[in-house]
Amino acid sequence: MFKEFKEFAFRGNVVDLAIGVILGAAFSSIIKSLVDNVFMPLIGILIGGIDVKGLTAKVGEVDLQYGMFLQAVIEFLLIAFVLFLFVKAINIFRRKEEEKTEPTAPTTEEKLLTEIRDLLARKD
């Protein structure tokens, strides 16, 4: 049982996934800081110096903190956009690598050698 667990836990895909999750969490905290400390103050300035995070509406005796929701939506959109750019860059890189490794058409010399090989194989 231990051997099976070891094979599962240290399989390439599982380790890659764990690394991805850890990097994703770190990346998320960077984006959150970017949103909280850069973009939201700029948005606040654009809308007249209002702290978006502190926007609330009173409905009866309940305070609806829609500013926190708005900030979460903006944070999500920024993370999605940055991930889109990241995936797009990776796809461009992969396409370039695939173009390098694509087999080329056989040269005239290779075609002639193939014909000679085929002729020799028929004689036997």
N, C-alpha and C. Protein backbone atom coordinates (compact mmCIF):
# COMPACT_ATOMS: atom_id res chain seq x y z
N MET A 1 0.82 -1.19 0.00
CA MET A 1 0.00 0.00 0.00
C MET A 1 0.87 1.26 0.00
N PHE A 2 1.95 1.23 0.78
CA PHE A 2 2.85 2.38 0.84
C PHE A 2 3.49 2.62 -0.52
N LYS A 3 3.84 1.52 -1.20
CA LYS A 3 4.46 1.63 -2.52
C LYS A 3 3.49 2.28 -3.51
N GLU A 4 2.23 1.87 -3.47
CA GLU A 4 1.23 2.45 -4.36
C GLU A 4 1.04 3.94 -4.08
N PHE A 5 0.99 4.29 -2.78
CA PHE A 5 0.85 5.70 -2.42
C PHE A 5 2.04 6.50 -2.91
N LYS A 6 3.24 5.94 -2.73
CA LYS A 6 4.46 6.62 -3.18
C LYS A 6 4.41 6.85 -4.69
N GLU A 7 3.99 5.83 -5.45
CA GLU A 7 3.89 5.98 -6.90
C GLU A 7 2.87 7.05 -7.27
N PHE A 8 1.76 7.10 -6.54
CA PHE A 8 0.72 8.10 -6.81
C PHE A 8 1.20 9.49 -6.44
N ALA A 9 1.76 9.64 -5.25
CA ALA A 9 2.12 10.96 -4.72
C ALA A 9 3.26 11.60 -5.50
N PHE A 10 4.15 10.79 -6.02
CA PHE A 10 5.31 11.36 -6.67
C PHE A 10 5.27 11.20 -8.19
N ARG A 11 4.11 10.88 -8.70
CA ARG A 11 3.93 10.83 -10.14
C ARG A 11 4.07 12.26 -10.66
N GLY A 12 4.57 12.41 -11.85
CA GLY A 12 4.83 13.73 -12.42
C GLY A 12 3.64 14.65 -12.40
N ASN A 13 2.46 14.17 -12.78
CA ASN A 13 1.29 15.02 -12.86
C ASN A 13 0.88 15.55 -11.49
N VAL A 14 0.98 14.73 -10.47
CA VAL A 14 0.57 15.16 -9.12
C VAL A 14 1.52 16.24 -8.61
N VAL A 15 2.80 16.04 -8.81
CA VAL A 15 3.79 17.03 -8.37
C VAL A 15 3.59 18.33 -9.14
N ASP A 16 3.38 18.23 -10.46
CA ASP A 16 3.12 19.43 -11.26
C ASP A 16 1.88 20.16 -10.78
N LEU A 17 0.85 19.41 -10.45
CA LEU A 17 -0.39 20.02 -9.95
C LEU A 17 -0.15 20.73 -8.62
N ALA A 18 0.60 20.10 -7.73
CA ALA A 18 0.89 20.72 -6.43
C ALA A 18 1.67 22.01 -6.61
N ILE A 19 2.64 21.99 -7.51
CA ILE A 19 3.41 23.20 -7.77
C ILE A 19 2.50 24.28 -8.34
N GLY A 20 1.61 23.89 -9.24
CA GLY A 20 0.68 24.85 -9.84
C GLY A 20 -0.23 25.48 -8.80
N VAL A 21 -0.71 24.68 -7.85
CA VAL A 21 -1.59 25.21 -6.81
C VAL A 21 -0.84 26.20 -5.92
N ILE A 22 0.37 25.85 -5.56
CA ILE A 22 1.17 26.74 -4.70
C ILE A 22 1.48 28.05 -5.43
N LEU A 23 1.90 27.95 -6.69
CA LEU A 23 2.17 29.16 -7.45
C LEU A 23 0.90 29.97 -7.68
N GLY A 24 -0.22 29.29 -7.88
CA GLY A 24 -1.50 29.98 -8.04
C GLY A 24 -1.87 30.77 -6.81
N ALA A 25 -1.64 30.19 -5.63
CA ALA A 25 -1.95 30.91 -4.39
C ALA A 25 -1.05 32.13 -4.24
N ALA A 26 0.23 31.98 -4.55
CA ALA A 26 1.15 33.11 -4.47
C ALA A 26 0.77 34.18 -5.50
N PHE A 27 0.41 33.76 -6.70
CA PHE A 27 0.02 34.68 -7.75
C PHE A 27 -1.25 35.43 -7.36
N SER A 28 -2.17 34.72 -6.72
CA SER A 28 -3.42 35.34 -6.27
C SER A 28 -3.15 36.43 -5.25
N SER A 29 -2.21 36.20 -4.34
CA SER A 29 -1.92 37.23 -3.34
C SER A 29 -1.26 38.45 -3.99
N ILE A 30 -0.46 38.23 -5.04
CA ILE A 30 0.15 39.35 -5.76
C ILE A 30 -0.93 40.18 -6.44
N ILE A 31 -1.86 39.51 -7.11
CA ILE A 31 -2.94 40.21 -7.81
C ILE A 31 -3.83 40.93 -6.80
N LYS A 32 -4.10 40.28 -5.66
CA LYS A 32 -4.93 40.93 -4.63
C LYS A 32 -4.25 42.21 -4.15
N SER A 33 -2.96 42.15 -3.94
CA SER A 33 -2.23 43.34 -3.52
C SER A 33 -2.27 44.42 -4.60
N LEU A 34 -2.13 44.01 -5.86
CA LEU A 34 -2.20 44.96 -6.96
C LEU A 34 -3.57 45.65 -7.00
N VAL A 35 -4.62 44.85 -6.82
CA VAL A 35 -5.97 45.42 -6.84
C VAL A 35 -6.18 46.33 -5.64
N ASP A 36 -5.87 45.84 -4.43
CA ASP A 36 -6.11 46.60 -3.20
C ASP A 36 -5.29 47.88 -3.14
N ASN A 37 -4.03 47.81 -3.55
CA ASN A 37 -3.12 48.92 -3.31
C ASN A 37 -2.85 49.82 -4.51
N VAL A 38 -3.22 49.37 -5.71
CA VAL A 38 -2.96 50.19 -6.90
C VAL A 38 -4.26 50.54 -7.62
N PHE A 39 -4.95 49.52 -8.08
CA PHE A 39 -6.12 49.78 -8.92
C PHE A 39 -7.30 50.39 -8.16
N MET A 40 -7.61 49.87 -6.99
CA MET A 40 -8.78 50.39 -6.26
C MET A 40 -8.59 51.85 -5.83
N PRO A 41 -7.41 52.25 -5.36
CA PRO A 41 -7.24 53.69 -5.08
C PRO A 41 -7.40 54.55 -6.34
N LEU A 42 -6.89 54.05 -7.48
CA LEU A 42 -7.06 54.81 -8.73
C LEU A 42 -8.53 54.90 -9.13
N ILE A 43 -9.25 53.80 -8.98
CA ILE A 43 -10.69 53.82 -9.27
C ILE A 43 -11.39 54.77 -8.32
N GLY A 44 -10.98 54.75 -7.05
CA GLY A 44 -11.55 55.68 -6.07
C GLY A 44 -11.33 57.13 -6.46
N ILE A 45 -10.14 57.44 -6.96
CA ILE A 45 -9.85 58.81 -7.41
C ILE A 45 -10.74 59.17 -8.59
N LEU A 46 -10.88 58.24 -9.53
CA LEU A 46 -11.69 58.50 -10.72
C LEU A 46 -13.16 58.75 -10.40
N ILE A 47 -13.65 58.12 -9.34
CA ILE A 47 -15.06 58.32 -8.98
C ILE A 47 -15.23 59.33 -7.86
N GLY A 48 -14.24 60.19 -7.68
CA GLY A 48 -14.39 61.30 -6.74
C GLY A 48 -13.84 61.04 -5.36
N GLY A 49 -12.80 60.24 -5.24
CA GLY A 49 -12.16 60.03 -3.94
C GLY A 49 -12.92 59.09 -3.02
N ILE A 50 -13.82 58.30 -3.57
CA ILE A 50 -14.60 57.37 -2.75
C ILE A 50 -13.82 56.07 -2.59
N ASP A 51 -13.79 55.55 -1.38
CA ASP A 51 -13.19 54.23 -1.12
C ASP A 51 -14.20 53.17 -1.55
N VAL A 52 -13.92 52.51 -2.66
CA VAL A 52 -14.86 51.53 -3.21
C VAL A 52 -15.13 50.42 -2.22
N LYS A 53 -14.10 50.01 -1.51
CA LYS A 53 -14.24 48.91 -0.55
C LYS A 53 -15.24 49.26 0.54
N GLY A 54 -15.36 50.53 0.86
CA GLY A 54 -16.23 50.95 1.95
C GLY A 54 -17.65 51.30 1.51
N LEU A 55 -17.98 51.14 0.24
CA LEU A 55 -19.33 51.46 -0.23
C LEU A 55 -20.35 50.52 0.40
N THR A 56 -21.37 51.11 0.99
CA THR A 56 -22.44 50.33 1.61
C THR A 56 -23.79 50.96 1.29
N ALA A 57 -24.80 50.17 1.44
CA ALA A 57 -26.17 50.67 1.30
C ALA A 57 -26.97 50.13 2.46
N LYS A 58 -27.79 50.97 3.05
CA LYS A 58 -28.59 50.56 4.20
C LYS A 58 -29.97 50.14 3.70
N VAL A 59 -30.33 48.92 3.99
CA VAL A 59 -31.65 48.40 3.64
C VAL A 59 -32.28 47.94 4.96
N GLY A 60 -33.21 48.74 5.42
CA GLY A 60 -33.77 48.46 6.74
C GLY A 60 -32.69 48.67 7.78
N GLU A 61 -32.42 47.63 8.53
CA GLU A 61 -31.36 47.72 9.53
C GLU A 61 -30.10 46.98 9.11
N VAL A 62 -30.05 46.57 7.84
CA VAL A 62 -28.91 45.80 7.35
C VAL A 62 -28.05 46.67 6.42
N ASP A 63 -26.74 46.59 6.62
CA ASP A 63 -25.81 47.27 5.72
C ASP A 63 -25.34 46.29 4.65
N LEU A 64 -25.63 46.62 3.41
CA LEU A 64 -25.14 45.81 2.29
C LEU A 64 -23.80 46.38 1.86
N GLN A 65 -22.77 45.57 1.96
CA GLN A 65 -21.42 46.03 1.63
C GLN A 65 -21.11 45.68 0.18
N TYR A 66 -21.75 46.39 -0.72
CA TYR A 66 -21.56 46.09 -2.14
C TYR A 66 -20.19 46.53 -2.64
N GLY A 67 -19.52 47.38 -1.92
CA GLY A 67 -18.16 47.79 -2.29
C GLY A 67 -17.19 46.62 -2.20
N MET A 68 -17.34 45.79 -1.19
CA MET A 68 -16.49 44.60 -1.05
C MET A 68 -16.74 43.65 -2.22
N PHE A 69 -18.02 43.53 -2.61
CA PHE A 69 -18.37 42.68 -3.75
C PHE A 69 -17.77 43.26 -5.03
N LEU A 70 -17.88 44.57 -5.20
CA LEU A 70 -17.34 45.22 -6.38
C LEU A 70 -15.83 45.00 -6.47
N GLN A 71 -15.16 45.11 -5.35
CA GLN A 71 -13.72 44.88 -5.33
C GLN A 71 -13.40 43.43 -5.68
N ALA A 72 -14.18 42.48 -5.18
CA ALA A 72 -13.95 41.07 -5.51
C ALA A 72 -14.16 40.81 -7.00
N VAL A 73 -15.17 41.47 -7.60
CA VAL A 73 -15.41 41.31 -9.04
C VAL A 73 -14.24 41.87 -9.84
N ILE A 74 -13.75 43.04 -9.46
CA ILE A 74 -12.62 43.65 -10.16
C ILE A 74 -11.38 42.76 -10.00
N GLU A 75 -11.18 42.24 -8.82
CA GLU A 75 -10.04 41.35 -8.57
C GLU A 75 -10.14 40.10 -9.45
N PHE A 76 -11.33 39.52 -9.53
CA PHE A 76 -11.54 38.34 -10.38
C PHE A 76 -11.24 38.67 -11.85
N LEU A 77 -11.75 39.80 -12.33
CA LEU A 77 -11.54 40.17 -13.73
C LEU A 77 -10.05 40.39 -14.02
N LEU A 78 -9.34 41.00 -13.10
CA LEU A 78 -7.90 41.21 -13.30
C LEU A 78 -7.15 39.89 -13.31
N ILE A 79 -7.47 39.00 -12.38
CA ILE A 79 -6.82 37.69 -12.35
C ILE A 79 -7.11 36.93 -13.64
N ALA A 80 -8.37 36.94 -14.07
CA ALA A 80 -8.74 36.24 -15.30
C ALA A 80 -7.99 36.83 -16.49
N PHE A 81 -7.89 38.16 -16.55
CA PHE A 81 -7.20 38.80 -17.67
C PHE A 81 -5.72 38.46 -17.68
N VAL A 82 -5.07 38.53 -16.52
CA VAL A 82 -3.64 38.21 -16.45
C VAL A 82 -3.40 36.74 -16.79
N LEU A 83 -4.25 35.85 -16.30
CA LEU A 83 -4.11 34.43 -16.65
C LEU A 83 -4.32 34.22 -18.15
N PHE A 84 -5.27 34.95 -18.74
CA PHE A 84 -5.49 34.87 -20.19
C PHE A 84 -4.22 35.26 -20.93
N LEU A 85 -3.60 36.37 -20.53
CA LEU A 85 -2.37 36.81 -21.18
C LEU A 85 -1.25 35.78 -21.00
N PHE A 86 -1.18 35.19 -19.81
CA PHE A 86 -0.15 34.19 -19.51
C PHE A 86 -0.35 32.96 -20.39
N VAL A 87 -1.58 32.45 -20.47
CA VAL A 87 -1.87 31.27 -21.29
C VAL A 87 -1.64 31.57 -22.76
N LYS A 88 -2.01 32.78 -23.19
CA LYS A 88 -1.79 33.17 -24.58
C LYS A 88 -0.30 33.16 -24.90
N ALA A 89 0.52 33.69 -24.00
CA ALA A 89 1.98 33.70 -24.21
C ALA A 89 2.52 32.28 -24.27
N ILE A 90 2.05 31.41 -23.40
CA ILE A 90 2.50 30.01 -23.41
C ILE A 90 2.10 29.34 -24.72
N ASN A 91 0.88 29.59 -25.20
CA ASN A 91 0.44 28.98 -26.45
C ASN A 91 1.28 29.46 -27.64
N ILE A 92 1.63 30.73 -27.65
CA ILE A 92 2.49 31.25 -28.72
C ILE A 92 3.85 30.56 -28.67
N PHE A 93 4.39 30.40 -27.47
CA PHE A 93 5.67 29.73 -27.31
C PHE A 93 5.58 28.28 -27.78
N ARG A 94 4.51 27.58 -27.40
CA ARG A 94 4.34 26.17 -27.82
C ARG A 94 4.22 26.05 -29.32
N ARG A 95 3.47 26.97 -29.95
CA ARG A 95 3.33 26.93 -31.41
C ARG A 95 4.68 27.08 -32.09
N LYS A 96 5.50 27.99 -31.57
CA LYS A 96 6.83 28.18 -32.15
C LYS A 96 7.68 26.93 -31.99
N GLU A 97 7.58 26.28 -30.83
CA GLU A 97 8.32 25.04 -30.59
C GLU A 97 7.84 23.93 -31.51
N GLU A 98 6.52 23.83 -31.71
CA GLU A 98 5.96 22.80 -32.59
C GLU A 98 6.39 23.03 -34.02
N GLU A 99 6.46 24.29 -34.45
CA GLU A 99 6.90 24.60 -35.80
C GLU A 99 8.34 24.16 -36.02
N LYS A 100 9.16 24.29 -34.99
CA LYS A 100 10.56 23.88 -35.09
C LYS A 100 10.67 22.37 -35.22
N THR A 101 9.80 21.64 -34.53
CA THR A 101 9.92 20.18 -34.48
C THR A 101 9.08 19.47 -35.53
N GLU A 102 8.30 20.19 -36.31
CA GLU A 102 7.50 19.55 -37.34
C GLU A 102 8.42 18.93 -38.39
N PRO A 103 8.09 17.71 -38.81
CA PRO A 103 8.94 17.06 -39.82
C PRO A 103 8.84 17.81 -41.15
N THR A 104 9.98 17.95 -41.78
CA THR A 104 10.00 18.62 -43.07
C THR A 104 9.79 17.59 -44.17
N ALA A 105 9.44 18.06 -45.35
CA ALA A 105 9.25 17.17 -46.49
C ALA A 105 10.59 16.55 -46.85
N PRO A 106 10.57 15.31 -47.30
CA PRO A 106 11.84 14.66 -47.65
C PRO A 106 12.52 15.38 -48.82
N THR A 107 13.83 15.43 -48.72
CA THR A 107 14.61 16.07 -49.78
C THR A 107 14.64 15.15 -51.00
N THR A 108 15.13 15.67 -52.11
CA THR A 108 15.23 14.86 -53.33
C THR A 108 16.14 13.67 -53.11
N GLU A 109 17.21 13.89 -52.37
CA GLU A 109 18.14 12.80 -52.08
C GLU A 109 17.46 11.71 -51.27
N GLU A 110 16.68 12.10 -50.26
CA GLU A 110 15.97 11.11 -49.45
C GLU A 110 14.96 10.35 -50.29
N LYS A 111 14.27 11.04 -51.20
CA LYS A 111 13.30 10.36 -52.07
C LYS A 111 14.00 9.32 -52.95
N LEU A 112 15.15 9.70 -53.51
CA LEU A 112 15.90 8.77 -54.35
C LEU A 112 16.38 7.56 -53.56
N LEU A 113 16.89 7.81 -52.37
CA LEU A 113 17.35 6.71 -51.52
C LEU A 113 16.20 5.78 -51.15
N THR A 114 15.02 6.35 -50.91
CA THR A 114 13.85 5.54 -50.59
C THR A 114 13.48 4.67 -51.79
N GLU A 115 13.51 5.24 -52.99
CA GLU A 115 13.20 4.46 -54.20
C GLU A 115 14.20 3.33 -54.39
N ILE A 116 15.49 3.63 -54.17
CA ILE A 116 16.52 2.60 -54.30
C ILE A 116 16.28 1.48 -53.29
N ARG A 117 15.98 1.86 -52.05
CA ARG A 117 15.71 0.86 -51.01
C ARG A 117 14.54 -0.02 -51.42
N ASP A 118 13.46 0.61 -51.91
CA ASP A 118 12.28 -0.14 -52.31
C ASP A 118 12.58 -1.09 -53.47
N LEU A 119 13.39 -0.65 -54.45
CA LEU A 119 13.78 -1.49 -55.58
C LEU A 119 14.60 -2.69 -55.11
N LEU A 120 15.54 -2.42 -54.20
CA LEU A 120 16.37 -3.51 -53.67
C LEU A 120 15.53 -4.51 -52.87
N ALA A 121 14.53 -4.01 -52.16
CA ALA A 121 13.66 -4.90 -51.38
C ALA A 121 12.83 -5.79 -52.28
N ARG A 122 12.45 -5.30 -53.46
CA ARG A 122 11.66 -6.10 -54.40
C ARG A 122 12.48 -7.21 -55.03
N LYS A 123 13.78 -6.99 -55.22
CA LYS A 123 14.64 -8.01 -55.82
C LYS A 123 14.77 -9.24 -54.94
N ASP A 124 14.68 -9.06 -53.65
CA ASP A 124 14.86 -10.19 -52.70
C ASP A 124 13.67 -11.02 -52.65
